[in-house]
Amino acid sequence: MELMNYREFEIYVKENLKVLLPEEYQDSDICLKEMQRPGYTYRGIAVKKLNDNYGVVVDLELFYEAYLKNMPISKVMFSIASFVQTELPPIEVEGVTDYDWARKHMFIRVMNRMWCRDYLKRVPHLAVEDLAVTPHIKIMETGDRLSSTPVTYELMNNYGVSKEQLLRDAAENGMRMFPPKLGYLADLIGVSRDERVQRVITNDRGLNGAAALFYPGEMERTAEAMGGSFYAVPTSVHEMILEPADTDKSETQMTDALHETLRVFTNEDDWLSNHLYYYDAERHQFAAVYAEEEQAELS
């Protein structure tokens, strides 16, 4: 049997998914939808029960890849049906639109402004060099997975709050929900304790932990723990490796190590930046550190 193309696959899933769902889903609204996420968009299938104010969107591209790798269509369909039933977040739309409720569930993430231009057109954010600090609302957390929704300009306007207050509330509440965690890289990777020089900043979940450096006052507290100014190496959106300013490594060596880490260890969806940052403890200034070729392009 000839394989379906992606459009045919979408239609097949839409037309046949309901028969694999239990009785309480038989009145569900099922439709195809394009979704935006930081740095990319994807096509998904949205499932919403008739009397519910919430739903779930399944990324069909992931399942289509499995189908192209010879997973039987019956197994693909049962997998999608199972995903729908286990991933439905128990949160109502009315909660998200109520600021008194929302600000108690807000947190911040950090992303690259250059790589997420289209996404950031819809989302209020704080620009920090070439990075953007963005507000999000936690929907559900299970194990190592965190479901959230971004606060868009439309949602912010409905709240009737300023961008400054929104970002301040998100950062302060995020610090309570996901406290910062500053440890030693040596302890994390299990090498000699004599090498406890490099630090790692993340949060207590290890999810979107690079944003912890942007909590109120966190750079100052980190500098105090580091003994002064430091370099921040953005190995992923989940953490940053920190080097003291007096490190024996050159900026070129640290940049090369970052590029190798991104290439070998970091999922591309989790990339934050491909260059270093430097925090000057005396000036309280956070700045990007570009390689020579990058500086030439910027000048």
C-alpha atoms as a PDB file:
ATOM      1  CA  MET A   1       0.000   0.000   0.000  1.00  0.00           C
ATOM      2  CA  GLU A   2       1.369   3.406  -0.984  1.00  0.00           C
ATOM      3  CA  LEU A   3       2.170   5.710   1.906  1.00  0.00           C
ATOM      4  CA  MET A   4      -0.045   8.743   2.452  1.00  0.00           C
ATOM      5  CA  ASN A   5       1.444  12.187   2.025  1.00  0.00           C
ATOM      6  CA  TYR A   6       1.217  14.530   5.002  1.00  0.00           C
ATOM      7  CA  ARG A   7      -2.036  16.193   3.912  1.00  0.00           C
ATOM      8  CA  GLU A   8      -3.691  12.806   3.359  1.00  0.00           C
ATOM      9  CA  PHE A   9      -2.396  11.676   6.765  1.00  0.00           C
ATOM     10  CA  GLU A  10      -3.940  14.722   8.484  1.00  0.00           C
ATOM     11  CA  ILE A  11      -7.330  14.092   6.908  1.00  0.00           C
ATOM     12  CA  TYR A  12      -7.189  10.381   7.730  1.00  0.00           C
ATOM     13  CA  VAL A  13      -6.473  11.124  11.404  1.00  0.00           C
ATOM     14  CA  LYS A  14      -9.243  13.732  11.597  1.00  0.00           C
ATOM     15  CA  GLU A  15     -11.816  11.391  10.038  1.00  0.00           C
ATOM     16  CA  ASN A  16     -10.903   8.288  12.028  1.00  0.00           C
ATOM     17  CA  LEU A  17      -9.696   9.440  15.451  1.00  0.00           C
ATOM     18  CA  LYS A  18     -13.097   9.682  17.136  1.00  0.00           C
ATOM     19  CA  VAL A  19     -13.892   5.981  16.731  1.00  0.00           C
ATOM     20  CA  LEU A  20     -10.829   5.138  18.824  1.00  0.00           C
ATOM     21  CA  LEU A  21     -11.773   7.461  21.682  1.00  0.00           C
ATOM     22  CA  PRO A  22     -14.053   6.466  24.589  1.00  0.00           C
ATOM     23  CA  GLU A  23     -17.719   7.424  24.840  1.00  0.00           C
ATOM     24  CA  GLU A  24     -17.129  10.735  26.629  1.00  0.00           C
ATOM     25  CA  TYR A  25     -15.243  11.995  23.556  1.00  0.00           C
ATOM     26  CA  GLN A  26     -17.908  11.172  20.969  1.00  0.00           C
ATOM     27  CA  ASP A  27     -19.343  14.711  21.023  1.00  0.00           C
ATOM     28  CA  SER A  28     -15.856  16.256  20.816  1.00  0.00           C
ATOM     29  CA  ASP A  29     -14.933  18.920  18.308  1.00  0.00           C
ATOM     30  CA  ILE A  30     -11.945  17.659  16.292  1.00  0.00           C
ATOM     31  CA  CYS A  31     -10.193  19.969  13.864  1.00  0.00           C
ATOM     32  CA  LEU A  32      -6.822  20.577  12.233  1.00  0.00           C
ATOM     33  CA  LYS A  33      -4.927  23.588  13.539  1.00  0.00           C
ATOM     34  CA  GLU A  34      -1.627  25.418  13.070  1.00  0.00           C
ATOM     35  CA  MET A  35       0.138  26.114  16.361  1.00  0.00           C
ATOM     36  CA  GLN A  36       2.950  28.540  17.176  1.00  0.00           C
ATOM     37  CA  ARG A  37       5.737  27.744  19.581  1.00  0.00           C
ATOM     38  CA  PRO A  38       8.964  29.622  20.291  1.00  0.00           C
ATOM     39  CA  GLY A  39      10.983  29.483  17.093  1.00  0.00           C
ATOM     40  CA  TYR A  40       8.687  27.218  15.086  1.00  0.00           C
ATOM     41  CA  THR A  41       5.134  26.380  14.067  1.00  0.00           C
ATOM     42  CA  TYR A  42       3.545  22.968  13.713  1.00  0.00           C
ATOM     43  CA  ARG A  43       0.370  21.411  12.420  1.00  0.00           C
ATOM     44  CA  GLY A  44      -1.721  19.637  14.980  1.00  0.00           C
ATOM     45  CA  ILE A  45      -5.086  18.079  15.593  1.00  0.00           C
ATOM     46  CA  ALA A  46      -7.169  19.785  18.278  1.00  0.00           C
ATOM     47  CA  VAL A  47      -9.617  17.796  20.402  1.00  0.00           C
ATOM     48  CA  LYS A  48     -12.109  19.601  22.645  1.00  0.00           C
ATOM     49  CA  LYS A  49     -15.000  17.980  24.490  1.00  0.00           C
ATOM     50  CA  LEU A  50     -18.389  19.546  23.830  1.00  0.00           C
ATOM     51  CA  ASN A  51     -19.006  21.055  27.277  1.00  0.00           C
ATOM     52  CA  ASP A  52     -15.409  21.720  28.274  1.00  0.00           C
ATOM     53  CA  ASN A  53     -13.532  25.006  28.131  1.00  0.00           C
ATOM     54  CA  TYR A  54     -10.231  23.295  27.474  1.00  0.00           C
ATOM     55  CA  GLY A  55      -8.719  20.997  24.908  1.00  0.00           C
ATOM     56  CA  VAL A  56      -5.522  19.392  23.716  1.00  0.00           C
ATOM     57  CA  VAL A  57      -3.538  19.827  20.508  1.00  0.00           C
ATOM     58  CA  VAL A  58      -1.461  16.894  19.275  1.00  0.00           C
ATOM     59  CA  ASP A  59       1.623  17.583  17.143  1.00  0.00           C
ATOM     60  CA  LEU A  60       0.854  15.385  14.135  1.00  0.00           C
ATOM     61  CA  GLU A  61       4.264  15.846  12.533  1.00  0.00           C
ATOM     62  CA  LEU A  62       5.836  13.621  15.186  1.00  0.00           C
ATOM     63  CA  PHE A  63       3.352  10.834  14.497  1.00  0.00           C
ATOM     64  CA  TYR A  64       3.726  11.258  10.741  1.00  0.00           C
ATOM     65  CA  GLU A  65       7.459  10.686  11.106  1.00  0.00           C
ATOM     66  CA  ALA A  66       6.709   7.416  12.920  1.00  0.00           C
ATOM     67  CA  TYR A  67       4.305   6.452  10.130  1.00  0.00           C
ATOM     68  CA  LEU A  68       6.996   7.085   7.486  1.00  0.00           C
ATOM     69  CA  LYS A  69       9.319   4.820   9.474  1.00  0.00           C
ATOM     70  CA  ASN A  70       6.884   1.928   8.862  1.00  0.00           C
ATOM     71  CA  MET A  71       4.825   2.101  12.049  1.00  0.00           C
ATOM     72  CA  PRO A  72       1.449   0.589  11.066  1.00  0.00           C
ATOM     73  CA  ILE A  73      -1.268   3.229  10.706  1.00  0.00           C
ATOM     74  CA  SER A  74      -3.418   1.353  13.212  1.00  0.00           C
ATOM     75  CA  LYS A  75      -0.689   1.652  15.848  1.00  0.00           C
ATOM     76  CA  VAL A  76      -0.161   5.319  14.981  1.00  0.00           C
ATOM     77  CA  MET A  77      -3.868   6.001  15.460  1.00  0.00           C
ATOM     78  CA  PHE A  78      -4.021   4.184  18.799  1.00  0.00           C
ATOM     79  CA  SER A  79      -0.950   6.153  19.935  1.00  0.00           C
ATOM     80  CA  ILE A  80      -2.627   9.458  19.045  1.00  0.00           C
ATOM     81  CA  ALA A  81      -5.831   8.410  20.809  1.00  0.00           C
ATOM     82  CA  SER A  82      -3.857   7.441  23.919  1.00  0.00           C
ATOM     83  CA  PHE A  83      -1.995  10.765  23.842  1.00  0.00           C
ATOM     84  CA  VAL A  84      -5.256  12.708  23.701  1.00  0.00           C
ATOM     85  CA  GLN A  85      -6.629  10.942  26.755  1.00  0.00           C
ATOM     86  CA  THR A  86      -3.507  11.245  28.904  1.00  0.00           C
ATOM     87  CA  GLU A  87      -2.461  14.774  27.947  1.00  0.00           C
ATOM     88  CA  LEU A  88      -5.712  16.695  28.356  1.00  0.00           C
ATOM     89  CA  PRO A  89      -4.826  19.479  30.802  1.00  0.00           C
ATOM     90  CA  PRO A  90      -7.358  20.014  33.616  1.00  0.00           C
ATOM     91  CA  ILE A  91      -7.470  23.800  33.394  1.00  0.00           C
ATOM     92  CA  GLU A  92     -10.327  26.015  32.308  1.00  0.00           C
ATOM     93  CA  VAL A  93     -10.030  28.975  29.962  1.00  0.00           C
ATOM     94  CA  GLU A  94     -11.738  31.205  32.517  1.00  0.00           C
ATOM     95  CA  GLY A  95      -8.799  30.656  34.865  1.00  0.00           C
ATOM     96  CA  VAL A  96      -6.261  31.776  32.275  1.00  0.00           C
ATOM     97  CA  THR A  97      -8.219  34.956  31.543  1.00  0.00           C
ATOM     98  CA  ASP A  98      -8.514  35.945  35.227  1.00  0.00           C
ATOM     99  CA  TYR A  99      -5.388  37.891  36.209  1.00  0.00           C
ATOM    100  CA  ASP A 100      -5.754  37.189  39.926  1.00  0.00           C
ATOM    101  CA  TRP A 101      -5.560  33.492  39.066  1.00  0.00           C
ATOM    102  CA  ALA A 102      -3.053  33.778  36.221  1.00  0.00           C
ATOM    103  CA  ARG A 103      -0.365  35.715  38.082  1.00  0.00           C
ATOM    104  CA  LYS A 104      -0.197  32.926  40.680  1.00  0.00           C
ATOM    105  CA  HIS A 105       0.663  30.480  37.895  1.00  0.00           C
ATOM    106  CA  MET A 106       3.036  32.663  35.852  1.00  0.00           C
ATOM    107  CA  PHE A 107       6.712  32.127  35.259  1.00  0.00           C
ATOM    108  CA  ILE A 108       9.331  33.334  32.772  1.00  0.00           C
ATOM    109  CA  ARG A 109      11.272  31.703  30.002  1.00  0.00           C
ATOM    110  CA  VAL A 110      14.182  33.050  27.989  1.00  0.00           C
ATOM    111  CA  MET A 111      14.685  32.653  24.246  1.00  0.00           C
ATOM    112  CA  ASN A 112      16.721  34.082  21.404  1.00  0.00           C
ATOM    113  CA  ARG A 113      15.142  37.200  19.891  1.00  0.00           C
ATOM    114  CA  MET A 114      16.732  36.686  16.491  1.00  0.00           C
ATOM    115  CA  TRP A 115      15.580  33.090  16.188  1.00  0.00           C
ATOM    116  CA  CYS A 116      12.039  33.745  17.463  1.00  0.00           C
ATOM    117  CA  ARG A 117      11.111  36.974  15.681  1.00  0.00           C
ATOM    118  CA  ASP A 118       7.688  35.853  14.444  1.00  0.00           C
ATOM    119  CA  TYR A 119       6.730  34.358  17.796  1.00  0.00           C
ATOM    120  CA  LEU A 120       7.740  37.494  19.693  1.00  0.00           C
ATOM    121  CA  LYS A 121       5.498  39.686  17.542  1.00  0.00           C
ATOM    122  CA  ARG A 122       2.581  38.231  19.514  1.00  0.00           C
ATOM    123  CA  VAL A 123       4.167  38.068  22.958  1.00  0.00           C
ATOM    124  CA  PRO A 124       5.155  40.896  25.345  1.00  0.00           C
ATOM    125  CA  HIS A 125       8.785  40.467  26.331  1.00  0.00           C
ATOM    126  CA  LEU A 126      11.818  42.085  27.904  1.00  0.00           C
ATOM    127  CA  ALA A 127      14.792  42.403  25.547  1.00  0.00           C
ATOM    128  CA  VAL A 128      18.136  41.611  27.191  1.00  0.00           C
ATOM    129  CA  GLU A 129      20.838  41.923  24.546  1.00  0.00           C
ATOM    130  CA  ASP A 130      19.766  39.418  21.852  1.00  0.00           C
ATOM    131  CA  LEU A 131      17.632  37.434  24.308  1.00  0.00           C
ATOM    132  CA  ALA A 132      13.977  37.842  25.260  1.00  0.00           C
ATOM    133  CA  VAL A 133      12.405  37.147  28.648  1.00  0.00           C
ATOM    134  CA  THR A 134       8.782  36.068  28.109  1.00  0.00           C
ATOM    135  CA  PRO A 135       5.828  35.433  30.469  1.00  0.00           C
ATOM    136  CA  HIS A 136       4.025  32.081  30.511  1.00  0.00           C
ATOM    137  CA  ILE A 137       1.223  30.458  32.492  1.00  0.00           C
ATOM    138  CA  LYS A 138       1.732  26.946  33.836  1.00  0.00           C
ATOM    139  CA  ILE A 139      -1.070  24.628  32.755  1.00  0.00           C
ATOM    140  CA  MET A 140       0.160  21.249  33.914  1.00  0.00           C
ATOM    141  CA  GLU A 141       3.343  19.611  35.176  1.00  0.00           C
ATOM    142  CA  THR A 142       3.930  15.862  35.094  1.00  0.00           C
ATOM    143  CA  GLY A 143       7.353  14.399  35.752  1.00  0.00           C
ATOM    144  CA  ASP A 144       9.864  16.016  33.425  1.00  0.00           C
ATOM    145  CA  ARG A 145       7.189  17.659  31.268  1.00  0.00           C
ATOM    146  CA  LEU A 146       5.751  21.127  31.702  1.00  0.00           C
ATOM    147  CA  SER A 147       2.711  22.332  29.763  1.00  0.00           C
ATOM    148  CA  SER A 148       2.226  26.080  29.544  1.00  0.00           C
ATOM    149  CA  THR A 149       0.658  28.796  27.448  1.00  0.00           C
ATOM    150  CA  PRO A 150       2.344  32.103  26.552  1.00  0.00           C
ATOM    151  CA  VAL A 151       0.829  35.393  27.622  1.00  0.00           C
ATOM    152  CA  THR A 152       0.064  37.153  24.341  1.00  0.00           C
ATOM    153  CA  TYR A 153      -0.485  40.881  23.840  1.00  0.00           C
ATOM    154  CA  GLU A 154      -4.203  40.142  23.467  1.00  0.00           C
ATOM    155  CA  LEU A 155      -4.303  38.349  26.804  1.00  0.00           C
ATOM    156  CA  MET A 156      -2.254  41.098  28.469  1.00  0.00           C
ATOM    157  CA  ASN A 157      -4.660  43.758  27.200  1.00  0.00           C
ATOM    158  CA  ASN A 158      -7.596  41.751  28.552  1.00  0.00           C
ATOM    159  CA  TYR A 159      -5.891  41.689  31.943  1.00  0.00           C
ATOM    160  CA  GLY A 160      -5.633  45.471  31.880  1.00  0.00           C
ATOM    161  CA  VAL A 161      -2.050  45.485  33.176  1.00  0.00           C
ATOM    162  CA  SER A 162       1.098  47.054  31.771  1.00  0.00           C
ATOM    163  CA  LYS A 163       3.873  45.042  30.188  1.00  0.00           C
ATOM    164  CA  GLU A 164       6.180  46.075  33.037  1.00  0.00           C
ATOM    165  CA  GLN A 165       3.821  44.770  35.706  1.00  0.00           C
ATOM    166  CA  LEU A 166       3.141  41.587  33.759  1.00  0.00           C
ATOM    167  CA  LEU A 167       6.839  40.765  33.418  1.00  0.00           C
ATOM    168  CA  ARG A 168       7.561  41.718  37.021  1.00  0.00           C
ATOM    169  CA  ASP A 169       4.753  39.493  38.329  1.00  0.00           C
ATOM    170  CA  ALA A 170       5.823  36.607  36.074  1.00  0.00           C
ATOM    171  CA  ALA A 171       9.460  36.834  37.205  1.00  0.00           C
ATOM    172  CA  GLU A 172       8.630  37.130  40.909  1.00  0.00           C
ATOM    173  CA  ASN A 173       6.101  34.306  40.862  1.00  0.00           C
ATOM    174  CA  GLY A 174       8.373  32.166  38.681  1.00  0.00           C
ATOM    175  CA  MET A 175      11.105  32.520  41.296  1.00  0.00           C
ATOM    176  CA  ARG A 176       8.687  31.104  43.887  1.00  0.00           C
ATOM    177  CA  MET A 177       7.358  28.319  41.650  1.00  0.00           C
ATOM    178  CA  PHE A 178      10.727  27.292  40.209  1.00  0.00           C
ATOM    179  CA  PRO A 179      13.432  28.478  42.642  1.00  0.00           C
ATOM    180  CA  PRO A 180      16.917  29.086  41.229  1.00  0.00           C
ATOM    181  CA  LYS A 181      19.549  26.414  41.726  1.00  0.00           C
ATOM    182  CA  LEU A 182      23.255  27.260  41.579  1.00  0.00           C
ATOM    183  CA  GLY A 183      25.524  24.222  41.701  1.00  0.00           C
ATOM    184  CA  TYR A 184      28.939  23.079  40.572  1.00  0.00           C
ATOM    185  CA  LEU A 185      29.358  21.530  37.132  1.00  0.00           C
ATOM    186  CA  ALA A 186      31.790  18.984  38.593  1.00  0.00           C
ATOM    187  CA  ASP A 187      29.131  17.704  40.986  1.00  0.00           C
ATOM    188  CA  LEU A 188      26.597  17.502  38.165  1.00  0.00           C
ATOM    189  CA  ILE A 189      28.782  15.437  35.821  1.00  0.00           C
ATOM    190  CA  GLY A 190      30.552  13.472  38.561  1.00  0.00           C
ATOM    191  CA  VAL A 191      34.195  14.514  38.166  1.00  0.00           C
ATOM    192  CA  SER A 192      36.843  15.330  40.770  1.00  0.00           C
ATOM    193  CA  ARG A 193      35.719  17.758  43.450  1.00  0.00           C
ATOM    194  CA  ASP A 194      39.053  19.544  42.934  1.00  0.00           C
ATOM    195  CA  GLU A 195      37.571  20.822  39.683  1.00  0.00           C
ATOM    196  CA  ARG A 196      34.677  22.631  41.373  1.00  0.00           C
ATOM    197  CA  VAL A 197      35.185  25.955  39.611  1.00  0.00           C
ATOM    198  CA  GLN A 198      32.533  26.125  36.907  1.00  0.00           C
ATOM    199  CA  ARG A 199      28.998  26.617  38.157  1.00  0.00           C
ATOM    200  CA  VAL A 200      25.633  25.760  36.618  1.00  0.00           C
ATOM    201  CA  ILE A 201      22.541  27.877  37.080  1.00  0.00           C
ATOM    202  CA  THR A 202      19.120  26.369  36.496  1.00  0.00           C
ATOM    203  CA  ASN A 203      15.933  25.962  38.548  1.00  0.00           C
ATOM    204  CA  ASP A 204      14.842  23.219  40.910  1.00  0.00           C
ATOM    205  CA  ARG A 205      13.080  21.360  38.053  1.00  0.00           C
ATOM    206  CA  GLY A 206      15.838  21.677  35.467  1.00  0.00           C
ATOM    207  CA  LEU A 207      13.215  22.819  32.948  1.00  0.00           C
ATOM    208  CA  ASN A 208      13.638  26.207  31.213  1.00  0.00           C
ATOM    209  CA  GLY A 209      16.214  26.855  33.934  1.00  0.00           C
ATOM    210  CA  ALA A 210      18.337  29.382  32.014  1.00  0.00           C
ATOM    211  CA  ALA A 211      15.613  31.903  32.857  1.00  0.00           C
ATOM    212  CA  ALA A 212      16.617  31.662  36.544  1.00  0.00           C
ATOM    213  CA  LEU A 213      19.526  34.023  35.841  1.00  0.00           C
ATOM    214  CA  PHE A 214      16.936  36.687  34.960  1.00  0.00           C
ATOM    215  CA  TYR A 215      15.009  36.498  38.219  1.00  0.00           C
ATOM    216  CA  PRO A 216      14.995  39.780  40.189  1.00  0.00           C
ATOM    217  CA  GLY A 217      18.426  40.248  41.780  1.00  0.00           C
ATOM    218  CA  GLU A 218      19.691  36.838  40.652  1.00  0.00           C
ATOM    219  CA  MET A 219      22.696  38.130  38.675  1.00  0.00           C
ATOM    220  CA  GLU A 220      23.885  40.054  41.725  1.00  0.00           C
ATOM    221  CA  ARG A 221      23.448  37.015  44.002  1.00  0.00           C
ATOM    222  CA  THR A 222      25.216  34.807  41.482  1.00  0.00           C
ATOM    223  CA  ALA A 223      28.127  37.243  41.200  1.00  0.00           C
ATOM    224  CA  GLU A 224      28.483  37.227  44.987  1.00  0.00           C
ATOM    225  CA  ALA A 225      28.601  33.424  44.993  1.00  0.00           C
ATOM    226  CA  MET A 226      31.083  33.431  42.092  1.00  0.00           C
ATOM    227  CA  GLY A 227      33.341  35.955  43.768  1.00  0.00           C
ATOM    228  CA  GLY A 228      32.713  38.681  41.207  1.00  0.00           C
ATOM    229  CA  SER A 229      32.063  39.077  37.491  1.00  0.00           C
ATOM    230  CA  PHE A 230      31.412  35.970  35.409  1.00  0.00           C
ATOM    231  CA  TYR A 231      30.829  34.552  31.934  1.00  0.00           C
ATOM    232  CA  ALA A 232      27.519  32.822  31.166  1.00  0.00           C
ATOM    233  CA  VAL A 233      27.711  29.994  28.631  1.00  0.00           C
ATOM    234  CA  PRO A 234      24.174  29.265  27.271  1.00  0.00           C
ATOM    235  CA  THR A 235      24.371  25.512  26.722  1.00  0.00           C
ATOM    236  CA  SER A 236      20.560  25.275  26.453  1.00  0.00           C
ATOM    237  CA  VAL A 237      17.312  26.934  27.510  1.00  0.00           C
ATOM    238  CA  HIS A 238      17.422  24.672  30.559  1.00  0.00           C
ATOM    239  CA  GLU A 239      20.703  25.869  32.095  1.00  0.00           C
ATOM    240  CA  MET A 240      23.776  28.067  31.738  1.00  0.00           C
ATOM    241  CA  ILE A 241      27.341  27.161  32.683  1.00  0.00           C
ATOM    242  CA  LEU A 242      29.099  29.963  34.548  1.00  0.00           C
ATOM    243  CA  GLU A 243      32.834  30.702  34.428  1.00  0.00           C
ATOM    244  CA  PRO A 244      34.535  33.187  36.772  1.00  0.00           C
ATOM    245  CA  ALA A 245      35.914  36.287  35.062  1.00  0.00           C
ATOM    246  CA  ASP A 246      39.482  35.247  35.965  1.00  0.00           C
ATOM    247  CA  THR A 247      39.152  31.857  34.254  1.00  0.00           C
ATOM    248  CA  ASP A 248      42.249  30.559  32.491  1.00  0.00           C
ATOM    249  CA  LYS A 249      40.131  29.834  29.406  1.00  0.00           C
ATOM    250  CA  SER A 250      40.033  32.381  26.600  1.00  0.00           C
ATOM    251  CA  GLU A 251      36.741  33.661  25.195  1.00  0.00           C
ATOM    252  CA  THR A 252      37.546  31.806  21.971  1.00  0.00           C
ATOM    253  CA  GLN A 253      38.038  28.535  23.849  1.00  0.00           C
ATOM    254  CA  MET A 254      34.776  28.962  25.729  1.00  0.00           C
ATOM    255  CA  THR A 255      32.912  29.832  22.521  1.00  0.00           C
ATOM    256  CA  ASP A 256      34.357  26.788  20.744  1.00  0.00           C
ATOM    257  CA  ALA A 257      33.308  24.586  23.673  1.00  0.00           C
ATOM    258  CA  LEU A 258      29.802  26.048  23.517  1.00  0.00           C
ATOM    259  CA  HIS A 259      29.524  25.313  19.798  1.00  0.00           C
ATOM    260  CA  GLU A 260      30.673  21.730  20.363  1.00  0.00           C
ATOM    261  CA  THR A 261      28.143  21.276  23.181  1.00  0.00           C
ATOM    262  CA  LEU A 262      25.317  22.574  20.998  1.00  0.00           C
ATOM    263  CA  ARG A 263      26.356  20.342  18.116  1.00  0.00           C
ATOM    264  CA  VAL A 264      26.784  17.137  20.117  1.00  0.00           C
ATOM    265  CA  PHE A 265      24.612  17.323  23.218  1.00  0.00           C
ATOM    266  CA  THR A 266      21.839  19.916  22.896  1.00  0.00           C
ATOM    267  CA  ASN A 267      18.629  19.277  21.007  1.00  0.00           C
ATOM    268  CA  GLU A 268      18.265  22.046  18.426  1.00  0.00           C
ATOM    269  CA  ASP A 269      14.843  22.994  19.832  1.00  0.00           C
ATOM    270  CA  ASP A 270      16.593  23.767  23.141  1.00  0.00           C
ATOM    271  CA  TRP A 271      19.295  26.076  21.754  1.00  0.00           C
ATOM    272  CA  LEU A 272      19.397  29.484  23.411  1.00  0.00           C
ATOM    273  CA  SER A 273      22.381  31.238  21.839  1.00  0.00           C
ATOM    274  CA  ASN A 274      25.640  30.455  20.054  1.00  0.00           C
ATOM    275  CA  HIS A 275      27.816  32.975  21.869  1.00  0.00           C
ATOM    276  CA  LEU A 276      28.820  33.921  25.412  1.00  0.00           C
ATOM    277  CA  TYR A 277      27.539  36.573  27.816  1.00  0.00           C
ATOM    278  CA  TYR A 278      29.438  38.505  30.467  1.00  0.00           C
ATOM    279  CA  TYR A 279      28.126  39.970  33.704  1.00  0.00           C
ATOM    280  CA  ASP A 280      30.129  42.879  35.069  1.00  0.00           C
ATOM    281  CA  ALA A 281      29.540  42.812  38.823  1.00  0.00           C
ATOM    282  CA  GLU A 282      30.760  46.359  39.380  1.00  0.00           C
ATOM    283  CA  ARG A 283      28.625  47.939  36.659  1.00  0.00           C
ATOM    284  CA  HIS A 284      25.722  45.490  37.127  1.00  0.00           C
ATOM    285  CA  GLN A 285      25.775  45.023  33.359  1.00  0.00           C
ATOM    286  CA  PHE A 286      24.933  41.907  31.338  1.00  0.00           C
ATOM    287  CA  ALA A 287      26.336  41.928  27.795  1.00  0.00           C
ATOM    288  CA  ALA A 288      26.802  39.606  24.838  1.00  0.00           C
ATOM    289  CA  VAL A 289      30.333  38.517  23.929  1.00  0.00           C
ATOM    290  CA  TYR A 290      30.703  37.973  20.191  1.00  0.00           C
ATOM    291  CA  ALA A 291      33.443  36.110  18.373  1.00  0.00           C
ATOM    292  CA  GLU A 292      35.660  38.181  16.056  1.00  0.00           C
ATOM    293  CA  GLU A 293      33.796  37.127  12.909  1.00  0.00           C
ATOM    294  CA  GLU A 294      30.456  37.997  14.531  1.00  0.00           C
ATOM    295  CA  GLN A 295      31.771  41.403  15.590  1.00  0.00           C
ATOM    296  CA  ALA A 296      32.822  42.051  11.995  1.00  0.00           C
ATOM    297  CA  GLU A 297      29.306  41.259  10.765  1.00  0.00           C
ATOM    298  CA  LEU A 298      27.745  43.566  13.389  1.00  0.00           C
ATOM    299  CA  SER A 299      30.048  46.517  12.669  1.00  0.00           C
END
